[in-house]
């Protein structure tokens, strides 16, 4: 099924009507659920607490460009020095709860980033409510600015602190919720660990669809909906050529994959 007007493609099988059945293990958990490794940070305007894990290391090496709230402006009368905008002006910046998805960290001993140290780094830089889930680079934060700006800020901090060039994607709570609601294979995928969502920086080129379709086995199904690719691997991802292509650079854009359990857990973590 192809609907270019809605940037929606359904490949390898028709969409089944209706939402997830009762008792579907892929139903998103209630707010606050999941097994998150939570270590809340302070409000973006406050100084980090001394007992935040990894805070000392974060303060030694991880500070880049000041705190998120330090928005500077210059006036004709003060061209020689930067001055903070009035507090009332800074408060107009909307703080959004979102998740930062890091690509390719802590995989096979490469791009090692300890999550505790990352939490302290982001907290010290002014991100609020910093929480991580698993070791694969899932970070829930509260931050002002557009998602793209949050992603670039996080990448700069990681580059300065860890010396790693890590690409990241950011999804707001509303965007995650929309991705879960858009689930195009509710009746096909019955194991959330084998149902994966690939998040992309933009919709993929149409030429990639036949490549993915050829890679899919008879039992695998996938669908492209906007900036997400949903893929069902009934035999698991080990040995799956489709999963390998989605995890690599075949898409020719920044992308990272999470299974359905992680997606719904992150939805709960960003709900607060």
Protein backbone atom coordinates (compact mmCIF):
# COMPACT_ATOMS: atom_id res chain seq x y z
CA UNK A 1 0.00 0.00 0.00
CA UNK A 2 1.48 3.34 -1.00
CA UNK A 3 -0.01 6.71 -0.10
CA UNK A 4 2.58 9.33 -1.09
CA UNK A 5 0.39 12.16 0.11
CA UNK A 6 0.74 10.85 3.66
CA UNK A 7 4.33 9.60 3.25
CA UNK A 8 3.12 6.13 4.07
CA UNK A 9 4.19 2.86 2.52
CA UNK A 10 3.12 -0.60 3.60
CA UNK A 11 5.30 -3.41 2.33
CA UNK A 12 5.21 -7.20 2.53
CA UNK A 13 1.59 -7.69 3.55
CA UNK A 14 -1.58 -5.69 3.96
CA UNK A 15 -2.39 -3.73 7.05
CA UNK A 16 -4.80 -5.42 9.37
CA UNK A 17 -7.61 -3.21 10.63
CA UNK A 18 -8.03 -2.31 14.24
CA UNK A 19 -5.67 -1.68 17.12
CA UNK A 20 -3.80 -4.16 19.29
CA UNK A 21 -5.94 -6.93 20.73
CA UNK A 22 -6.69 -7.18 24.42
CA UNK A 23 -3.71 -8.49 26.28
CA UNK A 24 -1.37 -7.54 23.39
CA UNK A 25 2.12 -7.43 24.95
CA UNK A 26 2.91 -4.45 22.71
CA UNK A 27 0.36 -2.22 24.41
CA UNK A 28 2.18 0.81 25.90
CA UNK A 29 2.56 0.52 29.69
CA UNK A 30 0.97 2.92 32.09
CA UNK A 31 2.82 6.17 32.77
CA UNK A 32 5.77 5.62 35.03
CA UNK A 33 6.22 1.98 33.93
CA UNK A 34 9.31 0.33 32.55
CA UNK A 35 12.57 -0.61 34.15
CA UNK A 36 14.29 2.67 33.69
CA UNK A 37 17.62 3.40 35.31
CA UNK A 38 16.39 6.69 36.65
CA UNK A 39 18.57 9.36 38.12
CA UNK A 40 16.57 12.60 37.95
CA UNK A 41 18.57 15.75 37.39
CA UNK A 42 17.72 19.21 38.70
CA UNK A 43 15.66 21.90 37.00
CA UNK A 44 17.55 23.37 34.02
CA UNK A 45 17.91 26.70 35.84
CA UNK A 46 19.48 25.20 38.99
CA UNK A 47 22.99 24.04 39.78
CA UNK A 48 23.50 20.22 39.72
CA UNK A 49 23.40 18.43 43.05
CA UNK A 50 26.69 17.19 44.40
CA UNK A 51 25.40 13.63 44.75
CA UNK A 52 24.50 13.09 41.09
CA UNK A 53 26.32 9.98 39.89
CA UNK A 54 29.27 10.78 37.68
CA UNK A 55 28.87 14.49 38.38
CA UNK A 56 32.53 15.05 39.19
CA UNK A 57 33.65 13.59 35.89
CA UNK A 58 30.98 15.58 34.08
CA UNK A 59 32.13 18.83 35.65
CA UNK A 60 35.79 18.12 34.90
CA UNK A 61 35.47 17.39 31.22
CA UNK A 62 31.93 17.70 29.93
CA UNK A 63 30.91 21.39 30.01
CA UNK A 64 30.38 22.82 26.55
CA UNK A 65 29.13 26.30 25.88
CA UNK A 66 27.39 26.98 29.19
CA UNK A 67 24.05 25.83 30.61
CA UNK A 68 21.00 25.45 28.39
CA UNK A 69 19.33 28.44 29.99
CA UNK A 70 22.24 30.82 29.34
CA UNK A 71 20.87 32.50 26.23
CA UNK A 72 23.09 35.48 25.43
CA UNK A 73 22.32 38.68 23.56
CA UNK A 74 24.31 41.76 22.65
CA UNK A 75 23.06 45.35 22.61
CA UNK A 76 24.70 48.43 21.02
CA UNK A 77 25.66 49.67 24.47
CA UNK A 78 27.41 46.42 25.40
CA UNK A 79 29.01 45.10 22.23
CA UNK A 80 32.13 44.06 24.05
CA UNK A 81 30.50 41.56 26.44
CA UNK A 82 27.71 39.01 26.45
CA UNK A 83 24.73 39.63 28.72
CA UNK A 84 22.04 37.22 29.78
CA UNK A 85 18.55 38.01 28.64
CA UNK A 86 16.10 38.96 31.38
CA UNK A 87 14.65 35.99 33.25
CA UNK A 88 11.19 36.74 31.86
CA UNK A 89 12.53 36.41 28.31
CA UNK A 90 14.29 33.13 29.06
CA UNK A 91 11.11 31.71 30.56
CA UNK A 92 9.43 32.04 27.18
CA UNK A 93 11.52 29.10 25.95
CA UNK A 94 9.24 26.06 25.99
CA UNK A 95 10.67 23.14 27.94
CA UNK A 96 9.72 19.83 26.32
CA UNK A 97 9.99 16.28 27.63
CA UNK A 98 11.72 14.19 24.99
CA UNK A 99 14.01 11.22 24.42
CA UNK A 100 17.50 11.34 22.94
CA UNK A 101 18.28 8.19 20.93
CA UNK A 102 22.01 7.66 20.50
CA UNK A 103 23.16 5.63 17.52
CA UNK A 104 25.61 2.75 17.90
CA UNK A 105 26.81 3.14 21.49
CA UNK A 106 28.02 0.32 23.76
CA UNK A 107 27.92 -2.23 20.94
CA UNK A 108 30.61 -4.90 20.93
CA UNK A 109 32.89 -2.81 23.11
CA UNK A 110 32.78 0.14 20.70
CA UNK A 111 31.67 3.72 21.41
CA UNK A 112 31.54 3.03 25.13
CA UNK A 113 29.51 5.59 27.07
CA UNK A 114 28.67 4.77 30.72
CA UNK A 115 25.08 5.81 31.27
CA UNK A 116 25.74 7.15 34.78
CA UNK A 117 28.46 9.42 33.45
CA UNK A 118 26.21 10.53 30.60
CA UNK A 119 23.43 11.42 33.04
CA UNK A 120 25.82 13.56 35.07
CA UNK A 121 27.16 15.23 31.93
CA UNK A 122 23.72 16.22 30.65
CA UNK A 123 22.54 17.27 34.10
CA UNK A 124 25.59 19.49 34.54
CA UNK A 125 24.91 21.08 31.14
CA UNK A 126 21.41 22.11 32.21
CA UNK A 127 19.16 19.33 30.96
CA UNK A 128 16.39 18.51 33.44
CA UNK A 129 14.94 15.22 34.67
CA UNK A 130 17.69 13.16 33.02
CA UNK A 131 16.90 9.41 32.99
CA UNK A 132 18.44 6.55 31.03
CA UNK A 133 17.06 3.17 30.00
CA UNK A 134 19.32 0.19 29.30
CA UNK A 135 22.85 0.72 27.96
CA UNK A 136 21.91 1.30 24.32
CA UNK A 137 21.72 5.07 24.55
CA UNK A 138 18.14 5.96 25.50
CA UNK A 139 17.99 9.22 27.46
CA UNK A 140 14.80 10.97 28.60
CA UNK A 141 15.30 14.67 29.33
CA UNK A 142 13.46 17.95 29.72
CA UNK A 143 14.99 20.65 27.53
CA UNK A 144 14.09 23.90 25.78
CA UNK A 145 14.37 24.33 22.05
CA UNK A 146 13.57 22.31 18.94
CA UNK A 147 14.38 18.57 18.87
CA UNK A 148 17.09 19.13 16.27
CA UNK A 149 18.81 21.69 18.51
CA UNK A 150 18.64 19.30 21.48
CA UNK A 151 20.23 16.54 19.39
CA UNK A 152 23.10 18.75 18.21
CA UNK A 153 23.69 20.00 21.75
CA UNK A 154 23.91 16.44 23.07
CA UNK A 155 26.29 15.43 20.29
CA UNK A 156 28.59 18.36 21.08
CA UNK A 157 28.67 17.46 24.77
CA UNK A 158 29.48 13.82 24.02
CA UNK A 159 32.22 14.80 21.56
CA UNK A 160 33.88 17.12 24.09
CA UNK A 161 33.53 14.79 27.09
CA UNK A 162 34.01 11.30 25.62
CA UNK A 163 35.85 12.18 22.40
CA UNK A 164 33.27 10.26 20.34
CA UNK A 165 31.42 11.28 17.20
CA UNK A 166 27.95 9.95 18.00
CA UNK A 167 24.88 10.81 15.97
CA UNK A 168 21.57 11.16 17.79
CA UNK A 169 17.89 11.58 17.10
CA UNK A 170 15.34 13.25 19.35
CA UNK A 171 11.63 12.49 19.62
CA UNK A 172 9.26 14.44 21.83
CA UNK A 173 6.66 12.65 23.91
CA UNK A 174 3.99 13.67 21.40
CA UNK A 175 6.05 12.25 18.52
CA UNK A 176 6.63 8.97 20.36
CA UNK A 177 2.94 8.72 21.15
CA UNK A 178 2.09 9.29 17.48
CA UNK A 179 4.57 6.57 16.48
CA UNK A 180 2.97 4.07 18.86
CA UNK A 181 -0.54 4.94 17.70
CA UNK A 182 0.52 4.59 14.06
CA UNK A 183 1.57 0.94 14.58
CA UNK A 184 0.77 -0.53 11.14
CA UNK A 185 1.18 -4.21 12.10
CA UNK A 186 -0.92 -4.61 15.26
CA UNK A 187 -2.15 -8.08 14.39
CA UNK A 188 1.05 -9.51 12.98
CA UNK A 189 3.71 -8.84 15.61
CA UNK A 190 3.00 -10.76 18.81
CA UNK A 191 6.45 -10.57 20.44
CA UNK A 192 7.56 -7.02 21.34
CA UNK A 193 11.21 -8.08 21.44
CA UNK A 194 11.09 -9.08 17.77
CA UNK A 195 9.08 -6.08 16.65
CA UNK A 196 11.38 -3.16 15.93
CA UNK A 197 11.03 0.50 15.04
CA UNK A 198 13.77 2.30 13.14
CA UNK A 199 13.70 6.03 13.83
CA UNK A 200 15.07 8.24 11.04
CA UNK A 201 15.95 11.91 10.72
CA UNK A 202 13.68 12.17 7.66
CA UNK A 203 11.54 9.88 5.50
CA UNK A 204 13.70 7.54 3.39
CA UNK A 205 14.09 7.81 -0.37
CA UNK A 206 11.56 5.71 -2.25
CA UNK A 207 14.39 3.80 -3.94
CA UNK A 208 15.26 2.08 -0.66
CA UNK A 209 11.86 0.35 -0.39
CA UNK A 210 12.57 -2.34 -3.03
CA UNK A 211 15.97 -3.01 -1.42
CA UNK A 212 14.35 -3.69 1.94
CA UNK A 213 11.55 -5.70 0.36
CA UNK A 214 14.06 -7.97 -1.36
CA UNK A 215 15.93 -8.50 1.91
CA UNK A 216 12.82 -9.52 3.86
CA UNK A 217 12.17 -13.24 4.25
CA UNK A 218 8.77 -14.78 3.63
CA UNK A 219 7.75 -14.37 7.27
CA UNK A 220 9.13 -10.87 7.80
CA UNK A 221 6.99 -7.80 7.29
CA UNK A 222 7.81 -4.13 7.41
CA UNK A 223 6.12 -0.80 6.87
CA UNK A 224 7.37 2.74 6.36
CA UNK A 225 5.30 5.44 8.02
CA UNK A 226 6.83 8.90 7.78
CA UNK A 227 10.13 8.92 9.69
CA UNK A 228 9.69 5.43 11.14
CA UNK A 229 10.14 1.94 9.74
CA UNK A 230 8.30 -0.83 11.60
CA UNK A 231 9.74 -4.32 11.08
CA UNK A 232 8.49 -7.68 12.32
CA UNK A 233 11.12 -10.41 12.57
CA UNK A 234 9.27 -13.61 13.64
CA UNK A 235 12.52 -15.61 13.82
CA UNK A 236 14.44 -12.85 15.60
CA UNK A 237 17.00 -10.37 14.29
CA UNK A 238 19.99 -12.74 14.41
CA UNK A 239 20.72 -13.72 10.84
CA UNK A 240 18.02 -11.41 9.46
CA UNK A 241 19.27 -9.54 6.40
CA UNK A 242 16.44 -7.04 6.74
CA UNK A 243 17.43 -6.25 10.33
CA UNK A 244 21.06 -5.90 9.26
CA UNK A 245 20.16 -3.40 6.53
CA UNK A 246 18.02 -1.34 8.90
CA UNK A 247 20.80 -1.27 11.48
CA UNK A 248 23.47 -0.26 8.95
CA UNK A 249 23.90 2.67 6.61
CA UNK A 250 21.69 1.38 3.82
CA UNK A 251 19.11 4.08 4.50
CA UNK A 252 21.73 6.78 3.76
CA UNK A 253 20.54 8.93 6.64
CA UNK A 254 20.86 9.00 10.41
CA UNK A 255 18.73 6.20 11.85
CA UNK A 256 18.65 4.03 14.95
CA UNK A 257 16.49 1.04 15.89
CA UNK A 258 14.70 0.08 19.11
CA UNK A 259 12.40 -2.85 19.88
CA UNK A 260 8.78 -2.32 20.84
CA UNK A 261 9.38 -2.86 24.54
CA UNK A 262 11.94 -0.05 24.57
CA UNK A 263 9.70 2.25 22.52
CA UNK A 264 6.74 1.92 24.87
CA UNK A 265 8.97 2.25 27.94
CA UNK A 266 10.42 5.49 26.59
CA UNK A 267 6.89 6.71 25.94
CA UNK A 268 6.14 6.27 29.65
CA UNK A 269 9.42 7.90 30.70
CA UNK A 270 8.66 11.05 28.69
CA UNK A 271 5.07 11.34 29.89
CA UNK A 272 5.92 13.22 33.10
